[in-house]
PDB file of N, CA and C in Angstrom:
ATOM      1  N   MET A   1     -77.825  61.396 -13.680  1.00  0.00           N
ATOM      2  CA  MET A   1     -78.553  61.182 -14.907  1.00  0.00           C
ATOM      3  C   MET A   1     -78.486  62.452 -15.755  1.00  0.00           C
ATOM      4  N   PHE A   2     -78.730  62.313 -17.031  1.00  0.00           N
ATOM      5  CA  PHE A   2     -78.667  63.439 -17.940  1.00  0.00           C
ATOM      6  C   PHE A   2     -79.654  63.227 -19.073  1.00  0.00           C
ATOM      7  N   HIS A   3     -80.025  64.325 -19.717  1.00  0.00           N
ATOM      8  CA  HIS A   3     -80.799  64.243 -20.941  1.00  0.00           C
ATOM      9  C   HIS A   3     -80.514  65.480 -21.769  1.00  0.00           C
ATOM     10  N   VAL A   4     -80.661  65.345 -23.070  1.00  0.00           N
ATOM     11  CA  VAL A   4     -80.512  66.469 -23.983  1.00  0.00           C
ATOM     12  C   VAL A   4     -81.816  66.557 -24.748  1.00  0.00           C
ATOM     13  N   SER A   5     -82.482  67.687 -24.662  1.00  0.00           N
ATOM     14  CA  SER A   5     -83.777  67.840 -25.306  1.00  0.00           C
ATOM     15  C   SER A   5     -84.039  69.308 -25.571  1.00  0.00           C
ATOM     16  N   SER A   6     -84.752  69.589 -26.651  1.00  0.00           N
ATOM     17  CA  SER A   6     -85.162  70.964 -26.909  1.00  0.00           C
ATOM     18  C   SER A   6     -86.550  71.228 -26.328  1.00  0.00           C
ATOM     19  N   LEU A   7     -87.140  70.210 -25.724  1.00  0.00           N
ATOM     20  CA  LEU A   7     -88.450  70.383 -25.093  1.00  0.00           C
ATOM     21  C   LEU A   7     -88.308  71.136 -23.774  1.00  0.00           C
ATOM     22  N   PRO A   8     -89.310  71.945 -23.415  1.00  0.00           N
ATOM     23  CA  PRO A   8     -89.304  72.528 -22.066  1.00  0.00           C
ATOM     24  C   PRO A   8     -89.338  71.401 -21.031  1.00  0.00           C
ATOM     25  N   ALA A   9     -88.818  71.669 -19.854  1.00  0.00           N
ATOM     26  CA  ALA A   9     -88.694  70.633 -18.819  1.00  0.00           C
ATOM     27  C   ALA A   9     -90.019  69.925 -18.540  1.00  0.00           C
ATOM     28  N   ARG A  10     -91.112  70.672 -18.420  1.00  0.00           N
ATOM     29  CA  ARG A  10     -92.404  70.035 -18.109  1.00  0.00           C
ATOM     30  C   ARG A  10     -92.864  69.129 -19.240  1.00  0.00           C
ATOM     31  N   ALA A  11     -92.652  69.554 -20.491  1.00  0.00           N
ATOM     32  CA  ALA A  11     -93.052  68.728 -21.636  1.00  0.00           C
ATOM     33  C   ALA A  11     -92.198  67.460 -21.704  1.00  0.00           C
ATOM     34  N   PHE A  12     -90.899  67.591 -21.433  1.00  0.00           N
ATOM     35  CA  PHE A  12     -90.013  66.425 -21.430  1.00  0.00           C
ATOM     36  C   PHE A  12     -90.437  65.449 -20.336  1.00  0.00           C
ATOM     37  N   ASP A  13     -90.721  65.960 -19.137  1.00  0.00           N
ATOM     38  CA  ASP A  13     -91.160  65.103 -18.037  1.00  0.00           C
ATOM     39  C   ASP A  13     -92.455  64.380 -18.384  1.00  0.00           C
ATOM     40  N   ALA A  14     -93.384  65.075 -19.053  1.00  0.00           N
ATOM     41  CA  ALA A  14     -94.648  64.447 -19.453  1.00  0.00           C
ATOM     42  C   ALA A  14     -94.400  63.346 -20.486  1.00  0.00           C
ATOM     43  N   LEU A  15     -93.479  63.591 -21.418  1.00  0.00           N
ATOM     44  CA  LEU A  15     -93.139  62.585 -22.422  1.00  0.00           C
ATOM     45  C   LEU A  15     -92.553  61.336 -21.768  1.00  0.00           C
ATOM     46  N   ILE A  16     -91.610  61.528 -20.870  1.00  0.00           N
ATOM     47  CA  ILE A  16     -90.996  60.388 -20.179  1.00  0.00           C
ATOM     48  C   ILE A  16     -92.039  59.632 -19.360  1.00  0.00           C
ATOM     49  N   ALA A  17     -92.934  60.344 -18.700  1.00  0.00           N
ATOM     50  CA  ALA A  17     -93.990  59.692 -17.916  1.00  0.00           C
ATOM     51  C   ALA A  17     -94.857  58.811 -18.808  1.00  0.00           C
ATOM     52  N   ARG A  18     -95.172  59.287 -20.017  1.00  0.00           N
ATOM     53  CA  ARG A  18     -95.970  58.477 -20.942  1.00  0.00           C
ATOM     54  C   ARG A  18     -95.207  57.235 -21.380  1.00  0.00           C
ATOM     55  N   ILE A  19     -93.919  57.391 -21.643  1.00  0.00           N
ATOM     56  CA  ILE A  19     -93.108  56.245 -22.066  1.00  0.00           C
ATOM     57  C   ILE A  19     -93.036  55.211 -20.951  1.00  0.00           C
ATOM     58  N   LEU A  20     -92.811  55.662 -19.729  1.00  0.00           N
ATOM     59  CA  LEU A  20     -92.678  54.734 -18.609  1.00  0.00           C
ATOM     60  C   LEU A  20     -93.985  54.042 -18.263  1.00  0.00           C
ATOM     61  N   ASP A  21     -95.116  54.645 -18.635  1.00  0.00           N
ATOM     62  CA  ASP A  21     -96.414  54.036 -18.361  1.00  0.00           C
ATOM     63  C   ASP A  21     -96.804  52.972 -19.390  1.00  0.00           C
ATOM     64  N   LEU A  22     -96.028  52.805 -20.454  1.00  0.00           N
ATOM     65  CA  LEU A  22     -96.353  51.810 -21.466  1.00  0.00           C
ATOM     66  C   LEU A  22     -96.215  50.409 -20.882  1.00  0.00           C
ATOM     67  N   PRO A  23     -97.061  49.480 -21.310  1.00  0.00           N
ATOM     68  CA  PRO A  23     -96.947  48.107 -20.799  1.00  0.00           C
ATOM     69  C   PRO A  23     -95.655  47.461 -21.288  1.00  0.00           C
ATOM     70  N   GLU A  24     -95.171  46.487 -20.534  1.00  0.00           N
ATOM     71  CA  GLU A  24     -93.973  45.742 -20.912  1.00  0.00           C
ATOM     72  C   GLU A  24     -94.228  44.984 -22.212  1.00  0.00           C
ATOM     73  N   LEU A  25     -93.212  44.902 -23.060  1.00  0.00           N
ATOM     74  CA  LEU A  25     -93.303  44.106 -24.277  1.00  0.00           C
ATOM     75  C   LEU A  25     -93.005  42.651 -23.938  1.00  0.00           C
ATOM     76  N   GLU A  26     -93.639  41.742 -24.664  1.00  0.00           N
ATOM     77  CA  GLU A  26     -93.356  40.328 -24.470  1.00  0.00           C
ATOM     78  C   GLU A  26     -91.921  40.048 -24.897  1.00  0.00           C
ATOM     79  N   ALA A  27     -91.296  39.069 -24.281  1.00  0.00           N
ATOM     80  CA  ALA A  27     -89.896  38.747 -24.566  1.00  0.00           C
ATOM     81  C   ALA A  27     -89.673  38.368 -26.028  1.00  0.00           C
ATOM     82  N   GLU A  28     -90.665  37.763 -26.670  1.00  0.00           N
ATOM     83  CA  GLU A  28     -90.534  37.319 -28.058  1.00  0.00           C
ATOM     84  C   GLU A  28     -90.797  38.436 -29.065  1.00  0.00           C
ATOM     85  N   THR A  29     -91.209  39.600 -28.596  1.00  0.00           N
ATOM     86  CA  THR A  29     -91.588  40.698 -29.487  1.00  0.00           C
ATOM     87  C   THR A  29     -90.354  41.435 -29.986  1.00  0.00           C
ATOM     88  N   ASP A  30     -90.317  41.730 -31.288  1.00  0.00           N
ATOM     89  CA  ASP A  30     -89.230  42.539 -31.846  1.00  0.00           C
ATOM     90  C   ASP A  30     -89.426  43.995 -31.447  1.00  0.00           C
ATOM     91  N   GLU A  31     -88.340  44.763 -31.518  1.00  0.00           N
ATOM     92  CA  GLU A  31     -88.422  46.187 -31.203  1.00  0.00           C
ATOM     93  C   GLU A  31     -89.385  46.879 -32.163  1.00  0.00           C
ATOM     94  N   LEU A  32     -90.067  47.901 -31.653  1.00  0.00           N
ATOM     95  CA  LEU A  32     -90.995  48.656 -32.488  1.00  0.00           C
ATOM     96  C   LEU A  32     -90.250  49.547 -33.471  1.00  0.00           C
ATOM     97  N   PHE A  33     -89.056  49.946 -33.108  1.00  0.00           N
ATOM     98  CA  PHE A  33     -88.263  50.819 -33.961  1.00  0.00           C
ATOM     99  C   PHE A  33     -86.793  50.615 -33.621  1.00  0.00           C
ATOM    100  N   ALA A  34     -85.944  51.058 -34.490  1.00  0.00           N
ATOM    101  CA  ALA A  34     -84.498  50.977 -34.232  1.00  0.00           C
ATOM    102  C   ALA A  34     -83.953  52.393 -34.094  1.00  0.00           C
ATOM    103  N   LEU A  35     -83.179  52.624 -33.054  1.00  0.00           N
ATOM    104  CA  LEU A  35     -82.581  53.939 -32.845  1.00  0.00           C
ATOM    105  C   LEU A  35     -81.193  53.977 -33.470  1.00  0.00           C
ATOM    106  N   PRO A  36     -80.882  55.037 -34.239  1.00  0.00           N
ATOM    107  CA  PRO A  36     -79.536  55.153 -34.815  1.00  0.00           C
ATOM    108  C   PRO A  36     -78.562  55.654 -33.755  1.00  0.00           C
ATOM    109  N   VAL A  37     -78.135  54.779 -32.860  1.00  0.00           N
ATOM    110  CA  VAL A  37     -77.345  55.185 -31.697  1.00  0.00           C
ATOM    111  C   VAL A  37     -75.992  55.756 -32.096  1.00  0.00           C
ATOM    112  N   SER A  38     -75.280  55.115 -33.024  1.00  0.00           N
ATOM    113  CA  SER A  38     -73.929  55.596 -33.304  1.00  0.00           C
ATOM    114  C   SER A  38     -73.867  56.960 -33.980  1.00  0.00           C
ATOM    115  N   PRO A  39     -74.710  57.307 -34.962  1.00  0.00           N
ATOM    116  CA  PRO A  39     -74.586  58.647 -35.540  1.00  0.00           C
ATOM    117  C   PRO A  39     -75.247  59.741 -34.699  1.00  0.00           C
ATOM    118  N   ALA A  40     -76.070  59.378 -33.749  1.00  0.00           N
ATOM    119  CA  ALA A  40     -76.827  60.383 -32.994  1.00  0.00           C
ATOM    120  C   ALA A  40     -75.958  61.393 -32.255  1.00  0.00           C
ATOM    121  N   PRO A  41     -74.884  60.990 -31.556  1.00  0.00           N
ATOM    122  CA  PRO A  41     -74.114  61.965 -30.786  1.00  0.00           C
ATOM    123  C   PRO A  41     -73.210  62.869 -31.617  1.00  0.00           C
ATOM    124  N   GLU A  42     -72.999  62.579 -32.903  1.00  0.00           N
ATOM    125  CA  GLU A  42     -72.044  63.342 -33.699  1.00  0.00           C
ATOM    126  C   GLU A  42     -72.291  64.853 -33.695  1.00  0.00           C
ATOM    127  N   PRO A  43     -73.519  65.346 -33.917  1.00  0.00           N
ATOM    128  CA  PRO A  43     -73.716  66.802 -33.937  1.00  0.00           C
ATOM    129  C   PRO A  43     -73.904  67.422 -32.552  1.00  0.00           C
ATOM    130  N   LEU A  44     -74.006  66.625 -31.507  1.00  0.00           N
ATOM    131  CA  LEU A  44     -74.345  67.159 -30.190  1.00  0.00           C
ATOM    132  C   LEU A  44     -73.303  68.068 -29.545  1.00  0.00           C
ATOM    133  N   PRO A  45     -71.998  67.784 -29.629  1.00  0.00           N
ATOM    134  CA  PRO A  45     -71.048  68.630 -28.895  1.00  0.00           C
ATOM    135  C   PRO A  45     -71.187  70.118 -29.191  1.00  0.00           C
ATOM    136  N   GLY A  46     -71.488  70.483 -30.412  1.00  0.00           N
ATOM    137  CA  GLY A  46     -71.646  71.892 -30.761  1.00  0.00           C
ATOM    138  C   GLY A  46     -72.963  72.488 -30.304  1.00  0.00           C
ATOM    139  N   CYS A  47     -73.901  71.665 -29.870  1.00  0.00           N
ATOM    140  CA  CYS A  47     -75.233  72.140 -29.476  1.00  0.00           C
ATOM    141  C   CYS A  47     -75.424  72.223 -27.966  1.00  0.00           C
ATOM    142  N   LEU A  48     -74.518  71.637 -27.205  1.00  0.00           N
ATOM    143  CA  LEU A  48     -74.691  71.584 -25.752  1.00  0.00           C
ATOM    144  C   LEU A  48     -74.275  72.889 -25.090  1.00  0.00           C
ATOM    145  N   PRO A  49     -74.989  73.293 -24.042  1.00  0.00           N
ATOM    146  CA  PRO A  49     -74.569  74.473 -23.276  1.00  0.00           C
ATOM    147  C   PRO A  49     -73.228  74.217 -22.592  1.00  0.00           C
ATOM    148  N   ALA A  50     -72.531  75.293 -22.280  1.00  0.00           N
ATOM    149  CA  ALA A  50     -71.242  75.170 -21.596  1.00  0.00           C
ATOM    150  C   ALA A  50     -71.420  74.423 -20.277  1.00  0.00           C
ATOM    151  N   GLY A  51     -70.508  73.516 -19.991  1.00  0.00           N
ATOM    152  CA  GLY A  51     -70.541  72.779 -18.732  1.00  0.00           C
ATOM    153  C   GLY A  51     -71.384  71.521 -18.749  1.00  0.00           C
ATOM    154  N   VAL A  52     -72.102  71.245 -19.847  1.00  0.00           N
ATOM    155  CA  VAL A  52     -72.921  70.035 -19.939  1.00  0.00           C
ATOM    156  C   VAL A  52     -72.083  68.951 -20.602  1.00  0.00           C
ATOM    157  N   ALA A  53     -71.898  67.852 -19.893  1.00  0.00           N
ATOM    158  CA  ALA A  53     -71.059  66.763 -20.400  1.00  0.00           C
ATOM    159  C   ALA A  53     -71.840  65.878 -21.361  1.00  0.00           C
ATOM    160  N   LEU A  54     -71.202  65.496 -22.438  1.00  0.00           N
ATOM    161  CA  LEU A  54     -71.786  64.565 -23.394  1.00  0.00           C
ATOM    162  C   LEU A  54     -71.351  63.155 -23.001  1.00  0.00           C
ATOM    163  N   PRO A  55     -72.301  62.242 -22.796  1.00  0.00           N
ATOM    164  CA  PRO A  55     -71.898  60.881 -22.423  1.00  0.00           C
ATOM    165  C   PRO A  55     -71.189  60.203 -23.593  1.00  0.00           C
ATOM    166  N   ASN A  56     -70.311  59.264 -23.274  1.00  0.00           N
ATOM    167  CA  ASN A  56     -69.691  58.508 -24.364  1.00  0.00           C
ATOM    168  C   ASN A  56     -70.708  57.492 -24.884  1.00  0.00           C
ATOM    169  N   VAL A  57     -70.383  56.864 -25.998  1.00  0.00           N
ATOM    170  CA  VAL A  57     -71.326  55.948 -26.648  1.00  0.00           C
ATOM    171  C   VAL A  57     -71.704  54.795 -25.721  1.00  0.00           C
ATOM    172  N   GLU A  58     -70.738  54.273 -24.973  1.00  0.00           N
ATOM    173  CA  GLU A  58     -71.018  53.147 -24.077  1.00  0.00           C
ATOM    174  C   GLU A  58     -72.008  53.542 -22.981  1.00  0.00           C
ATOM    175  N   ASP A  59     -71.795  54.713 -22.358  1.00  0.00           N
ATOM    176  CA  ASP A  59     -72.707  55.170 -21.305  1.00  0.00           C
ATOM    177  C   ASP A  59     -74.102  55.441 -21.863  1.00  0.00           C
ATOM    178  N   ALA A  60     -74.165  56.044 -23.051  1.00  0.00           N
ATOM    179  CA  ALA A  60     -75.464  56.318 -23.673  1.00  0.00           C
ATOM    180  C   ALA A  60     -76.192  55.011 -23.986  1.00  0.00           C
ATOM    181  N   ALA A  61     -75.467  54.027 -24.510  1.00  0.00           N
ATOM    182  CA  ALA A  61     -76.084  52.734 -24.821  1.00  0.00           C
ATOM    183  C   ALA A  61     -76.583  52.043 -23.560  1.00  0.00           C
ATOM    184  N   LYS A  62     -75.789  52.090 -22.478  1.00  0.00           N
ATOM    185  CA  LYS A  62     -76.220  51.495 -21.207  1.00  0.00           C
ATOM    186  C   LYS A  62     -77.514  52.136 -20.718  1.00  0.00           C
ATOM    187  N   MET A  63     -77.622  53.461 -20.849  1.00  0.00           N
ATOM    188  CA  MET A  63     -78.833  54.150 -20.403  1.00  0.00           C
ATOM    189  C   MET A  63     -80.028  53.759 -21.263  1.00  0.00           C
ATOM    190  N   LEU A  64     -79.846  53.641 -22.579  1.00  0.00           N
ATOM    191  CA  LEU A  64     -80.944  53.229 -23.451  1.00  0.00           C
ATOM    192  C   LEU A  64     -81.403  51.810 -23.120  1.00  0.00           C
ATOM    193  N   VAL A  65     -80.474  50.929 -22.785  1.00  0.00           N
ATOM    194  CA  VAL A  65     -80.837  49.566 -22.367  1.00  0.00           C
ATOM    195  C   VAL A  65     -81.586  49.621 -21.043  1.00  0.00           C
ATOM    196  N   LYS A  66     -81.083  50.425 -20.106  1.00  0.00           N
ATOM    197  CA  LYS A  66     -81.733  50.546 -18.794  1.00  0.00           C
ATOM    198  C   LYS A  66     -83.164  51.068 -18.933  1.00  0.00           C
ATOM    199  N   LEU A  67     -83.380  52.003 -19.871  1.00  0.00           N
ATOM    200  CA  LEU A  67     -84.719  52.546 -20.113  1.00  0.00           C
ATOM    201  C   LEU A  67     -85.562  51.620 -20.991  1.00  0.00           C
ATOM    202  N   LYS A  68     -84.962  50.497 -21.419  1.00  0.00           N
ATOM    203  CA  LYS A  68     -85.625  49.498 -22.257  1.00  0.00           C
ATOM    204  C   LYS A  68     -86.031  50.058 -23.615  1.00  0.00           C
ATOM    205  N   LEU A  69     -85.240  51.019 -24.113  1.00  0.00           N
ATOM    206  CA  LEU A  69     -85.483  51.556 -25.447  1.00  0.00           C
ATOM    207  C   LEU A  69     -84.757  50.733 -26.506  1.00  0.00           C
ATOM    208  N   ILE A  70     -83.699  50.032 -26.092  1.00  0.00           N
ATOM    209  CA  ILE A  70     -82.998  49.098 -26.965  1.00  0.00           C
ATOM    210  C   ILE A  70     -82.678  47.846 -26.158  1.00  0.00           C
ATOM    211  N   ARG A  71     -82.364  46.764 -26.860  1.00  0.00           N
ATOM    212  CA  ARG A  71     -81.993  45.520 -26.180  1.00  0.00           C
ATOM    213  C   ARG A  71     -80.495  45.490 -25.949  1.00  0.00           C
ATOM    214  N   GLY A  72     -80.097  44.994 -24.793  1.00  0.00           N
ATOM    215  CA  GLY A  72     -78.680  44.824 -24.494  1.00  0.00           C
ATOM    216  C   GLY A  72     -78.200  43.454 -24.917  1.00  0.00           C
ATOM    217  N   ASN A  73     -76.913  43.243 -24.798  1.00  0.00           N
ATOM    218  CA  ASN A  73     -76.334  41.930 -25.144  1.00  0.00           C
ATOM    219  C   ASN A  73     -76.604  40.935 -24.053  1.00  0.00           C
TER     220      ASN A  73
END
């Protein structure tokens, strides 16, 4: 697994814990927000530390679906 964040590790972990504690959305409910998935990775390669791999768009989308942040096909 991987993540890119400017938050300190403890703050990032606390944020993820809050997200995971949210109740499940009903199947008929629309997304609360839309993530701009395709333009998001464009500036990242220049910001990553040496040796940190940037996931491709497909892998990033799969992870967002797995985390239930976006809907899959």
